[in-house]
């Protein structure tokens, strides 16, 4: 999707409207720091 994951992670989460939650970034993350989940607001 062309999302700048590195920049979004500096903010603490990826909340880009272009994110379709495909999971490609979690599978491609070499450091294993990305994951899907829910959080309380």
PDB file of N, CA and C in Angstrom:
ATOM      1  N   UNK A   1       0.815  -1.203   0.000  1.00  0.00           N
ATOM      2  CA  UNK A   1       0.000   0.000   0.000  1.00  0.00           C
ATOM      3  C   UNK A   1       0.854   1.260   0.000  1.00  0.00           C
ATOM      4  N   UNK A   2       2.154   1.113   0.148  1.00  0.00           N
ATOM      5  CA  UNK A   2       3.022   2.279   0.129  1.00  0.00           C
ATOM      6  C   UNK A   2       3.003   3.072   1.425  1.00  0.00           C
ATOM      7  N   UNK A   3       2.605   2.449   2.505  1.00  0.00           N
ATOM      8  CA  UNK A   3       2.541   3.120   3.805  1.00  0.00           C
ATOM      9  C   UNK A   3       3.949   3.192   4.394  1.00  0.00           C
ATOM     10  N   UNK A   4       4.318   4.347   4.929  1.00  0.00           N
ATOM     11  CA  UNK A   4       5.624   4.514   5.558  1.00  0.00           C
ATOM     12  C   UNK A   4       5.534   3.991   6.988  1.00  0.00           C
ATOM     13  N   UNK A   5       5.726   2.698   7.145  1.00  0.00           N
ATOM     14  CA  UNK A   5       5.577   2.033   8.436  1.00  0.00           C
ATOM     15  C   UNK A   5       6.561   2.587   9.460  1.00  0.00           C
ATOM     16  N   UNK A   6       7.782   2.830   9.049  1.00  0.00           N
ATOM     17  CA  UNK A   6       8.799   3.339   9.975  1.00  0.00           C
ATOM     18  C   UNK A   6       8.382   4.668  10.598  1.00  0.00           C
ATOM     19  N   UNK A   7       7.851   5.559   9.798  1.00  0.00           N
ATOM     20  CA  UNK A   7       7.410   6.859  10.319  1.00  0.00           C
ATOM     21  C   UNK A   7       6.214   6.700  11.263  1.00  0.00           C
ATOM     22  N   UNK A   8       5.271   5.849  10.904  1.00  0.00           N
ATOM     23  CA  UNK A   8       4.093   5.643  11.750  1.00  0.00           C
ATOM     24  C   UNK A   8       4.471   5.019  13.091  1.00  0.00           C
ATOM     25  N   UNK A   9       5.463   4.121  13.092  1.00  0.00           N
ATOM     26  CA  UNK A   9       5.867   3.481  14.342  1.00  0.00           C
ATOM     27  C   UNK A   9       6.467   4.470  15.329  1.00  0.00           C
ATOM     28  N   UNK A  10       7.052   5.546  14.836  1.00  0.00           N
ATOM     29  CA  UNK A  10       7.578   6.587  15.724  1.00  0.00           C
ATOM     30  C   UNK A  10       6.447   7.215  16.528  1.00  0.00           C
ATOM     31  N   UNK A  11       5.234   7.184  15.970  1.00  0.00           N
ATOM     32  CA  UNK A  11       4.052   7.706  16.664  1.00  0.00           C
ATOM     33  C   UNK A  11       3.447   6.679  17.616  1.00  0.00           C
ATOM     34  N   UNK A  12       3.871   5.429  17.509  1.00  0.00           N
ATOM     35  CA  UNK A  12       3.394   4.390  18.413  1.00  0.00           C
ATOM     36  C   UNK A  12       2.402   3.426  17.815  1.00  0.00           C
ATOM     37  N   UNK A  13       1.806   3.779  16.689  1.00  0.00           N
ATOM     38  CA  UNK A  13       0.859   2.872  16.041  1.00  0.00           C
ATOM     39  C   UNK A  13       0.685   3.277  14.584  1.00  0.00           C
ATOM     40  N   UNK A  14       0.187   2.362  13.810  1.00  0.00           N
ATOM     41  CA  UNK A  14      -0.075   2.640  12.402  1.00  0.00           C
ATOM     42  C   UNK A  14      -1.566   2.901  12.260  1.00  0.00           C
ATOM     43  N   UNK A  15      -1.882   4.132  11.968  1.00  0.00           N
ATOM     44  CA  UNK A  15      -3.286   4.516  11.807  1.00  0.00           C
ATOM     45  C   UNK A  15      -3.466   5.228  10.481  1.00  0.00           C
ATOM     46  N   UNK A  16      -2.871   4.684   9.449  1.00  0.00           N
ATOM     47  CA  UNK A  16      -2.940   5.260   8.121  1.00  0.00           C
ATOM     48  C   UNK A  16      -4.248   4.835   7.463  1.00  0.00           C
ATOM     49  N   UNK A  17      -4.976   5.771   6.880  1.00  0.00           N
ATOM     50  CA  UNK A  17      -6.252   5.396   6.245  1.00  0.00           C
ATOM     51  C   UNK A  17      -6.073   4.450   5.059  1.00  0.00           C
ATOM     52  N   UNK A  18      -4.861   4.370   4.513  1.00  0.00           N
ATOM     53  CA  UNK A  18      -4.606   3.452   3.402  1.00  0.00           C
ATOM     54  C   UNK A  18      -4.357   2.022   3.864  1.00  0.00           C
ATOM     55  N   UNK A  19      -4.173   1.812   5.156  1.00  0.00           N
ATOM     56  CA  UNK A  19      -3.925   0.474   5.684  1.00  0.00           C
ATOM     57  C   UNK A  19      -5.187  -0.375   5.548  1.00  0.00           C
ATOM     58  N   UNK A  20      -5.047  -1.533   4.906  1.00  0.00           N
ATOM     59  CA  UNK A  20      -6.193  -2.425   4.728  1.00  0.00           C
ATOM     60  C   UNK A  20      -6.064  -3.667   5.613  1.00  0.00           C
ATOM     61  N   UNK A  21      -5.124  -3.615   6.570  1.00  0.00           N
ATOM     62  CA  UNK A  21      -4.895  -4.691   7.528  1.00  0.00           C
ATOM     63  C   UNK A  21      -4.642  -6.031   6.838  1.00  0.00           C
ATOM     64  N   UNK A  22      -3.815  -5.984   5.798  1.00  0.00           N
ATOM     65  CA  UNK A  22      -3.507  -7.203   5.059  1.00  0.00           C
ATOM     66  C   UNK A  22      -2.481  -8.065   5.791  1.00  0.00           C
ATOM     67  N   UNK A  23      -1.702  -7.468   6.687  1.00  0.00           N
ATOM     68  CA  UNK A  23      -0.716  -8.216   7.452  1.00  0.00           C
ATOM     69  C   UNK A  23       0.634  -8.370   6.778  1.00  0.00           C
ATOM     70  N   UNK A  24       0.790  -7.813   5.596  1.00  0.00           N
ATOM     71  CA  UNK A  24       2.066  -7.938   4.886  1.00  0.00           C
ATOM     72  C   UNK A  24       3.214  -7.333   5.680  1.00  0.00           C
ATOM     73  N   UNK A  25       2.979  -6.231   6.380  1.00  0.00           N
ATOM     74  CA  UNK A  25       4.057  -5.589   7.140  1.00  0.00           C
ATOM     75  C   UNK A  25       4.495  -6.450   8.320  1.00  0.00           C
ATOM     76  N   UNK A  26       3.566  -7.161   8.948  1.00  0.00           N
ATOM     77  CA  UNK A  26       3.942  -8.008  10.080  1.00  0.00           C
ATOM     78  C   UNK A  26       4.775  -9.195   9.615  1.00  0.00           C
ATOM     79  N   UNK A  27       4.460  -9.740   8.465  1.00  0.00           N
ATOM     80  CA  UNK A  27       5.226 -10.852   7.926  1.00  0.00           C
ATOM     81  C   UNK A  27       6.591 -10.433   7.409  1.00  0.00           C
ATOM     82  N   UNK A  28       6.703  -9.197   6.945  1.00  0.00           N
ATOM     83  CA  UNK A  28       7.956  -8.708   6.374  1.00  0.00           C
ATOM     84  C   UNK A  28       8.871  -8.074   7.409  1.00  0.00           C
ATOM     85  N   UNK A  29       8.390  -7.852   8.612  1.00  0.00           N
ATOM     86  CA  UNK A  29       9.184  -7.180   9.640  1.00  0.00           C
ATOM     87  C   UNK A  29      10.312  -8.100  10.104  1.00  0.00           C
ATOM     88  N   UNK A  30      11.551  -7.705   9.816  1.00  0.00           N
ATOM     89  CA  UNK A  30      12.709  -8.528  10.146  1.00  0.00           C
ATOM     90  C   UNK A  30      12.994  -8.564  11.645  1.00  0.00           C
ATOM     91  N   UNK A  31      12.545  -7.551  12.373  1.00  0.00           N
ATOM     92  CA  UNK A  31      12.804  -7.492  13.815  1.00  0.00           C
ATOM     93  C   UNK A  31      11.659  -8.069  14.644  1.00  0.00           C
ATOM     94  N   UNK A  32      10.531  -8.353  14.009  1.00  0.00           N
ATOM     95  CA  UNK A  32       9.401  -8.953  14.707  1.00  0.00           C
ATOM     96  C   UNK A  32       8.700  -8.024  15.687  1.00  0.00           C
ATOM     97  N   UNK A  33       8.750  -6.723  15.424  1.00  0.00           N
ATOM     98  CA  UNK A  33       8.135  -5.773  16.350  1.00  0.00           C
ATOM     99  C   UNK A  33       6.715  -5.373  15.963  1.00  0.00           C
ATOM    100  N   UNK A  34       6.277  -5.755  14.769  1.00  0.00           N
ATOM    101  CA  UNK A  34       4.921  -5.418  14.333  1.00  0.00           C
ATOM    102  C   UNK A  34       3.977  -6.560  14.638  1.00  0.00           C
ATOM    103  N   UNK A  35       2.774  -6.226  15.079  1.00  0.00           N
ATOM    104  CA  UNK A  35       1.757  -7.239  15.305  1.00  0.00           C
ATOM    105  C   UNK A  35       0.383  -6.588  15.255  1.00  0.00           C
ATOM    106  N   UNK A  36      -0.607  -7.415  14.991  1.00  0.00           N
ATOM    107  CA  UNK A  36      -1.992  -6.939  15.004  1.00  0.00           C
ATOM    108  C   UNK A  36      -2.543  -7.154  16.401  1.00  0.00           C
ATOM    109  N   UNK A  37      -3.449  -6.293  16.793  1.00  0.00           N
ATOM    110  CA  UNK A  37      -4.082  -6.461  18.087  1.00  0.00           C
ATOM    111  C   UNK A  37      -5.118  -5.385  18.310  1.00  0.00           C
ATOM    112  N   UNK A  38      -5.743  -5.463  19.443  1.00  0.00           N
ATOM    113  CA  UNK A  38      -6.713  -4.447  19.827  1.00  0.00           C
ATOM    114  C   UNK A  38      -6.191  -3.730  21.066  1.00  0.00           C
ATOM    115  N   UNK A  39      -6.692  -2.559  21.273  1.00  0.00           N
ATOM    116  CA  UNK A  39      -6.297  -1.802  22.451  1.00  0.00           C
ATOM    117  C   UNK A  39      -7.496  -1.049  22.995  1.00  0.00           C
ATOM    118  N   UNK A  40      -7.467  -0.782  24.253  1.00  0.00           N
ATOM    119  CA  UNK A  40      -8.538  -0.017  24.877  1.00  0.00           C
ATOM    120  C   UNK A  40      -8.317   1.459  24.589  1.00  0.00           C
ATOM    121  N   UNK A  41      -9.376   2.141  24.293  1.00  0.00           N
ATOM    122  CA  UNK A  41      -9.294   3.585  24.038  1.00  0.00           C
ATOM    123  C   UNK A  41      -9.828   4.336  25.224  1.00  0.00           C
TER     124      UNK A  41
END
